[in-house]
């Protein structure tokens, strides 16, 4: 399988990076082909320019590569921290520039954009790993778990990805090395069960 792995955290020593390493190693061990992008390391430009908005826009070469890979992906893994109930800005920019019309979704003929799009991604499963310093119970009860809504309903659901799993590891700031190792083992198990 072709698997797209997207990491969005600026600190190479972060637990997000440890998750990404674990995911990529496990996918490679299982014989999958991995498209891996560390958005911060690559200096991904998150700004969507006006000329990129039209469906048939001429895209920069770096964005064309991301688009080509997401179209080929049989599965997608996204790793990022929970910042203010949202993905980091660099990842939001990746969504804006890569999860685009003609690539990830399409409106039916005669629909000028006011309807519900048809998903185009061939990926049948997506996994999102988040880190947080907020307890999951508080995230759900107080904030309504915005990341679940964003990824499951607003992005992957609309783009045709029917299998969705999300795991939040929390509370990272007070976690022990032992706890983090257990979380990495859990991430490995989720990858094994999702991408067989």
C-alpha atoms as a PDB file:
ATOM      1  CA  UNK A   1       0.000   0.000   0.000  1.00  0.00           C
ATOM      2  CA  UNK A   2       0.976   3.634  -0.518  1.00  0.00           C
ATOM      3  CA  UNK A   3       0.697   5.499   2.772  1.00  0.00           C
ATOM      4  CA  UNK A   4       0.952   9.258   3.205  1.00  0.00           C
ATOM      5  CA  UNK A   5       2.318  10.391   6.591  1.00  0.00           C
ATOM      6  CA  UNK A   6       2.150  14.089   7.473  1.00  0.00           C
ATOM      7  CA  UNK A   7       3.887  15.485  10.578  1.00  0.00           C
ATOM      8  CA  UNK A   8       3.312  19.004  11.883  1.00  0.00           C
ATOM      9  CA  UNK A   9       5.402  19.912  14.935  1.00  0.00           C
ATOM     10  CA  UNK A  10       8.317  22.383  15.012  1.00  0.00           C
ATOM     11  CA  UNK A  11      10.436  20.637  17.671  1.00  0.00           C
ATOM     12  CA  UNK A  12      12.466  17.628  16.436  1.00  0.00           C
ATOM     13  CA  UNK A  13      12.658  16.417  20.053  1.00  0.00           C
ATOM     14  CA  UNK A  14       8.884  16.410  20.503  1.00  0.00           C
ATOM     15  CA  UNK A  15       6.733  13.402  21.239  1.00  0.00           C
ATOM     16  CA  UNK A  16       4.999  14.082  17.897  1.00  0.00           C
ATOM     17  CA  UNK A  17       8.308  13.320  16.177  1.00  0.00           C
ATOM     18  CA  UNK A  18       8.632  10.105  18.209  1.00  0.00           C
ATOM     19  CA  UNK A  19       5.144   9.092  17.050  1.00  0.00           C
ATOM     20  CA  UNK A  20       6.047   9.875  13.431  1.00  0.00           C
ATOM     21  CA  UNK A  21       9.254   7.813  13.621  1.00  0.00           C
ATOM     22  CA  UNK A  22       7.322   4.899  15.134  1.00  0.00           C
ATOM     23  CA  UNK A  23       4.606   5.106  12.450  1.00  0.00           C
ATOM     24  CA  UNK A  24       7.050   5.302   9.532  1.00  0.00           C
ATOM     25  CA  UNK A  25       9.211   2.463  10.920  1.00  0.00           C
ATOM     26  CA  UNK A  26       6.168   0.228  11.414  1.00  0.00           C
ATOM     27  CA  UNK A  27       4.755   0.945   7.960  1.00  0.00           C
ATOM     28  CA  UNK A  28       8.140   0.218   6.368  1.00  0.00           C
ATOM     29  CA  UNK A  29       8.492  -2.965   8.446  1.00  0.00           C
ATOM     30  CA  UNK A  30       5.079  -4.086   7.185  1.00  0.00           C
ATOM     31  CA  UNK A  31       6.186  -3.622   3.566  1.00  0.00           C
ATOM     32  CA  UNK A  32       4.255  -0.451   2.714  1.00  0.00           C
ATOM     33  CA  UNK A  33       5.523   2.409   0.571  1.00  0.00           C
ATOM     34  CA  UNK A  34       5.591   5.617   2.639  1.00  0.00           C
ATOM     35  CA  UNK A  35       5.327   9.225   1.477  1.00  0.00           C
ATOM     36  CA  UNK A  36       6.605  11.094   4.558  1.00  0.00           C
ATOM     37  CA  UNK A  37       6.536  14.856   5.048  1.00  0.00           C
ATOM     38  CA  UNK A  38       7.772  16.767   8.077  1.00  0.00           C
ATOM     39  CA  UNK A  39       6.146  20.077   7.147  1.00  0.00           C
ATOM     40  CA  UNK A  40       8.329  22.230   9.415  1.00  0.00           C
ATOM     41  CA  UNK A  41      11.580  20.577   8.333  1.00  0.00           C
ATOM     42  CA  UNK A  42      10.607  21.046   4.696  1.00  0.00           C
ATOM     43  CA  UNK A  43       9.685  24.690   5.278  1.00  0.00           C
ATOM     44  CA  UNK A  44       6.223  24.100   3.823  1.00  0.00           C
ATOM     45  CA  UNK A  45       4.612  27.429   2.899  1.00  0.00           C
ATOM     46  CA  UNK A  46       1.089  27.384   4.381  1.00  0.00           C
ATOM     47  CA  UNK A  47      -0.125  30.497   2.563  1.00  0.00           C
ATOM     48  CA  UNK A  48      -2.716  29.827  -0.113  1.00  0.00           C
ATOM     49  CA  UNK A  49      -2.270  32.413  -2.865  1.00  0.00           C
ATOM     50  CA  UNK A  50      -5.315  33.697  -4.757  1.00  0.00           C
ATOM     51  CA  UNK A  51      -4.024  32.273  -8.035  1.00  0.00           C
ATOM     52  CA  UNK A  52      -3.998  28.746  -6.523  1.00  0.00           C
ATOM     53  CA  UNK A  53      -7.700  28.784  -5.614  1.00  0.00           C
ATOM     54  CA  UNK A  54      -9.201  27.850  -9.018  1.00  0.00           C
ATOM     55  CA  UNK A  55      -9.552  24.115  -9.628  1.00  0.00           C
ATOM     56  CA  UNK A  56      -7.304  24.116 -12.702  1.00  0.00           C
ATOM     57  CA  UNK A  57      -4.688  26.493 -11.284  1.00  0.00           C
ATOM     58  CA  UNK A  58      -1.036  26.029 -12.181  1.00  0.00           C
ATOM     59  CA  UNK A  59       0.445  24.882  -8.878  1.00  0.00           C
ATOM     60  CA  UNK A  60       4.030  25.223  -7.628  1.00  0.00           C
ATOM     61  CA  UNK A  61       6.088  22.048  -8.107  1.00  0.00           C
ATOM     62  CA  UNK A  62       6.237  21.332  -4.358  1.00  0.00           C
ATOM     63  CA  UNK A  63       2.433  21.447  -4.085  1.00  0.00           C
ATOM     64  CA  UNK A  64       2.080  19.257  -7.184  1.00  0.00           C
ATOM     65  CA  UNK A  65       4.187  16.607  -5.422  1.00  0.00           C
ATOM     66  CA  UNK A  66       1.961  16.680  -2.335  1.00  0.00           C
ATOM     67  CA  UNK A  67      -1.174  16.491  -4.509  1.00  0.00           C
ATOM     68  CA  UNK A  68       0.182  13.575  -6.534  1.00  0.00           C
ATOM     69  CA  UNK A  69       1.049  11.641  -3.377  1.00  0.00           C
ATOM     70  CA  UNK A  70      -2.300  12.237  -1.651  1.00  0.00           C
ATOM     71  CA  UNK A  71      -4.087  11.012  -4.798  1.00  0.00           C
ATOM     72  CA  UNK A  72      -1.968   7.831  -4.809  1.00  0.00           C
ATOM     73  CA  UNK A  73      -2.342   7.188  -1.073  1.00  0.00           C
ATOM     74  CA  UNK A  74      -4.258   4.106   0.019  1.00  0.00           C
ATOM     75  CA  UNK A  75      -4.164   5.450   3.567  1.00  0.00           C
ATOM     76  CA  UNK A  76      -3.252   8.645   5.397  1.00  0.00           C
ATOM     77  CA  UNK A  77      -1.670   9.276   8.801  1.00  0.00           C
ATOM     78  CA  UNK A  78      -1.545  12.786  10.277  1.00  0.00           C
ATOM     79  CA  UNK A  79       0.414  13.620  13.435  1.00  0.00           C
ATOM     80  CA  UNK A  80       0.124  16.963  15.211  1.00  0.00           C
ATOM     81  CA  UNK A  81      -0.382  18.677  18.565  1.00  0.00           C
ATOM     82  CA  UNK A  82      -3.700  20.105  19.686  1.00  0.00           C
ATOM     83  CA  UNK A  83      -3.150  23.872  19.635  1.00  0.00           C
ATOM     84  CA  UNK A  84      -6.237  25.836  20.679  1.00  0.00           C
ATOM     85  CA  UNK A  85      -8.474  22.965  19.529  1.00  0.00           C
ATOM     86  CA  UNK A  86      -6.967  23.139  16.044  1.00  0.00           C
ATOM     87  CA  UNK A  87      -4.052  21.821  13.994  1.00  0.00           C
ATOM     88  CA  UNK A  88      -0.957  24.052  13.820  1.00  0.00           C
ATOM     89  CA  UNK A  89      -1.168  26.786  11.154  1.00  0.00           C
ATOM     90  CA  UNK A  90       1.345  25.017   8.895  1.00  0.00           C
ATOM     91  CA  UNK A  91      -0.929  21.958   8.744  1.00  0.00           C
ATOM     92  CA  UNK A  92      -4.026  24.071   8.126  1.00  0.00           C
ATOM     93  CA  UNK A  93      -2.115  25.607   5.200  1.00  0.00           C
ATOM     94  CA  UNK A  94      -1.278  22.107   3.918  1.00  0.00           C
ATOM     95  CA  UNK A  95      -5.002  21.300   3.986  1.00  0.00           C
ATOM     96  CA  UNK A  96      -5.824  24.550   2.156  1.00  0.00           C
ATOM     97  CA  UNK A  97      -3.238  23.964  -0.570  1.00  0.00           C
ATOM     98  CA  UNK A  98      -3.329  20.163  -1.019  1.00  0.00           C
ATOM     99  CA  UNK A  99      -6.833  18.971  -0.098  1.00  0.00           C
ATOM    100  CA  UNK A 100      -8.208  20.859  -3.063  1.00  0.00           C
ATOM    101  CA  UNK A 101     -10.901  20.556  -5.733  1.00  0.00           C
ATOM    102  CA  UNK A 102     -10.061  18.076  -8.455  1.00  0.00           C
ATOM    103  CA  UNK A 103      -7.635  16.338  -6.097  1.00  0.00           C
ATOM    104  CA  UNK A 104      -9.544  15.472  -2.916  1.00  0.00           C
ATOM    105  CA  UNK A 105     -13.125  16.404  -3.791  1.00  0.00           C
ATOM    106  CA  UNK A 106     -15.356  17.524  -6.637  1.00  0.00           C
ATOM    107  CA  UNK A 107     -18.718  19.238  -6.901  1.00  0.00           C
ATOM    108  CA  UNK A 108     -21.296  17.619  -9.155  1.00  0.00           C
ATOM    109  CA  UNK A 109     -22.021  19.181 -12.539  1.00  0.00           C
ATOM    110  CA  UNK A 110     -24.264  22.193 -12.118  1.00  0.00           C
ATOM    111  CA  UNK A 111     -23.207  22.657  -8.485  1.00  0.00           C
ATOM    112  CA  UNK A 112     -21.313  25.927  -8.228  1.00  0.00           C
ATOM    113  CA  UNK A 113     -19.972  25.072  -4.794  1.00  0.00           C
ATOM    114  CA  UNK A 114     -22.992  25.406  -2.548  1.00  0.00           C
ATOM    115  CA  UNK A 115     -23.717  21.678  -2.276  1.00  0.00           C
ATOM    116  CA  UNK A 116     -21.986  18.709  -0.706  1.00  0.00           C
ATOM    117  CA  UNK A 117     -18.891  17.630  -2.625  1.00  0.00           C
ATOM    118  CA  UNK A 118     -18.104  14.133  -3.846  1.00  0.00           C
ATOM    119  CA  UNK A 119     -14.944  12.719  -2.302  1.00  0.00           C
ATOM    120  CA  UNK A 120     -12.150  11.792  -4.704  1.00  0.00           C
ATOM    121  CA  UNK A 121      -9.470  10.367  -2.420  1.00  0.00           C
ATOM    122  CA  UNK A 122      -8.888   6.653  -2.922  1.00  0.00           C
ATOM    123  CA  UNK A 123      -7.614   6.275   0.652  1.00  0.00           C
ATOM    124  CA  UNK A 124     -10.097   4.164   2.570  1.00  0.00           C
ATOM    125  CA  UNK A 125      -8.578   4.786   5.986  1.00  0.00           C
ATOM    126  CA  UNK A 126      -7.075   7.739   7.831  1.00  0.00           C
ATOM    127  CA  UNK A 127      -5.495   7.869  11.271  1.00  0.00           C
ATOM    128  CA  UNK A 128      -4.872  11.077  13.203  1.00  0.00           C
ATOM    129  CA  UNK A 129      -2.547  11.053  16.211  1.00  0.00           C
ATOM    130  CA  UNK A 130      -2.760  14.119  18.437  1.00  0.00           C
ATOM    131  CA  UNK A 131      -0.869  15.162  21.528  1.00  0.00           C
ATOM    132  CA  UNK A 132      -2.484  17.376  24.120  1.00  0.00           C
ATOM    133  CA  UNK A 133      -2.025  18.847  27.562  1.00  0.00           C
ATOM    134  CA  UNK A 134      -5.790  18.826  28.117  1.00  0.00           C
ATOM    135  CA  UNK A 135      -7.501  15.760  29.509  1.00  0.00           C
ATOM    136  CA  UNK A 136      -9.634  14.061  26.819  1.00  0.00           C
ATOM    137  CA  UNK A 137     -12.731  14.261  29.050  1.00  0.00           C
ATOM    138  CA  UNK A 138     -12.367  18.044  29.345  1.00  0.00           C
ATOM    139  CA  UNK A 139     -11.695  18.349  25.621  1.00  0.00           C
ATOM    140  CA  UNK A 140     -15.014  16.617  24.888  1.00  0.00           C
ATOM    141  CA  UNK A 141     -17.204  18.086  27.612  1.00  0.00           C
ATOM    142  CA  UNK A 142     -15.941  21.671  27.629  1.00  0.00           C
ATOM    143  CA  UNK A 143     -14.838  22.197  24.035  1.00  0.00           C
ATOM    144  CA  UNK A 144     -16.843  19.596  22.088  1.00  0.00           C
ATOM    145  CA  UNK A 145     -13.691  17.903  20.706  1.00  0.00           C
ATOM    146  CA  UNK A 146     -13.199  20.225  17.705  1.00  0.00           C
ATOM    147  CA  UNK A 147     -10.356  18.137  16.237  1.00  0.00           C
ATOM    148  CA  UNK A 148     -12.655  15.136  15.854  1.00  0.00           C
ATOM    149  CA  UNK A 149     -15.154  17.268  13.936  1.00  0.00           C
ATOM    150  CA  UNK A 150     -12.479  18.894  11.769  1.00  0.00           C
ATOM    151  CA  UNK A 151     -10.736  15.690  10.701  1.00  0.00           C
ATOM    152  CA  UNK A 152     -13.599  13.193  10.614  1.00  0.00           C
ATOM    153  CA  UNK A 153     -16.437  15.318   9.239  1.00  0.00           C
ATOM    154  CA  UNK A 154     -14.995  18.427   7.617  1.00  0.00           C
ATOM    155  CA  UNK A 155     -11.986  16.868   5.868  1.00  0.00           C
ATOM    156  CA  UNK A 156     -11.794  13.092   5.499  1.00  0.00           C
ATOM    157  CA  UNK A 157     -15.550  12.452   5.438  1.00  0.00           C
ATOM    158  CA  UNK A 158     -16.085  14.976   2.655  1.00  0.00           C
ATOM    159  CA  UNK A 159     -13.126  13.641   0.682  1.00  0.00           C
ATOM    160  CA  UNK A 160     -14.356  10.047   0.548  1.00  0.00           C
ATOM    161  CA  UNK A 161     -12.227   8.493   3.296  1.00  0.00           C
ATOM    162  CA  UNK A 162     -14.670   6.230   5.111  1.00  0.00           C
ATOM    163  CA  UNK A 163     -12.438   4.636   7.743  1.00  0.00           C
ATOM    164  CA  UNK A 164     -11.317   7.122  10.388  1.00  0.00           C
ATOM    165  CA  UNK A 165      -9.502   6.643  13.682  1.00  0.00           C
ATOM    166  CA  UNK A 166      -8.121   9.305  15.982  1.00  0.00           C
ATOM    167  CA  UNK A 167      -6.072   8.839  19.146  1.00  0.00           C
ATOM    168  CA  UNK A 168      -5.118  11.667  21.475  1.00  0.00           C
ATOM    169  CA  UNK A 169      -2.187  11.094  23.813  1.00  0.00           C
ATOM    170  CA  UNK A 170      -2.609  13.201  26.948  1.00  0.00           C
ATOM    171  CA  UNK A 171      -1.473  14.700  29.200  1.00  0.00           C
ATOM    172  CA  UNK A 172       1.945  14.885  27.519  1.00  0.00           C
ATOM    173  CA  UNK A 173       3.520  17.552  29.724  1.00  0.00           C
ATOM    174  CA  UNK A 174       3.235  15.364  32.856  1.00  0.00           C
ATOM    175  CA  UNK A 175       3.747  11.988  31.157  1.00  0.00           C
ATOM    176  CA  UNK A 176       6.571   9.652  32.131  1.00  0.00           C
ATOM    177  CA  UNK A 177       8.989   7.917  29.789  1.00  0.00           C
ATOM    178  CA  UNK A 178       7.188   4.653  30.571  1.00  0.00           C
ATOM    179  CA  UNK A 179       3.812   6.173  29.640  1.00  0.00           C
ATOM    180  CA  UNK A 180       5.226   7.544  26.391  1.00  0.00           C
ATOM    181  CA  UNK A 181       6.624   4.128  25.474  1.00  0.00           C
ATOM    182  CA  UNK A 182       3.191   2.596  26.091  1.00  0.00           C
ATOM    183  CA  UNK A 183       1.654   5.255  23.817  1.00  0.00           C
ATOM    184  CA  UNK A 184       4.178   4.489  21.071  1.00  0.00           C
ATOM    185  CA  UNK A 185       3.351   0.784  21.379  1.00  0.00           C
ATOM    186  CA  UNK A 186      -0.335   1.685  21.061  1.00  0.00           C
ATOM    187  CA  UNK A 187       0.376   3.810  17.961  1.00  0.00           C
ATOM    188  CA  UNK A 188       2.206   0.837  16.445  1.00  0.00           C
ATOM    189  CA  UNK A 189      -0.769  -1.440  17.154  1.00  0.00           C
ATOM    190  CA  UNK A 190      -3.225   1.043  15.615  1.00  0.00           C
ATOM    191  CA  UNK A 191      -1.087   1.214  12.457  1.00  0.00           C
ATOM    192  CA  UNK A 192      -0.920  -2.592  12.259  1.00  0.00           C
ATOM    193  CA  UNK A 193      -4.690  -2.974  12.636  1.00  0.00           C
ATOM    194  CA  UNK A 194      -5.585  -0.170  10.219  1.00  0.00           C
ATOM    195  CA  UNK A 195      -3.222  -0.821   7.329  1.00  0.00           C
ATOM    196  CA  UNK A 196      -3.149  -4.573   6.730  1.00  0.00           C
END
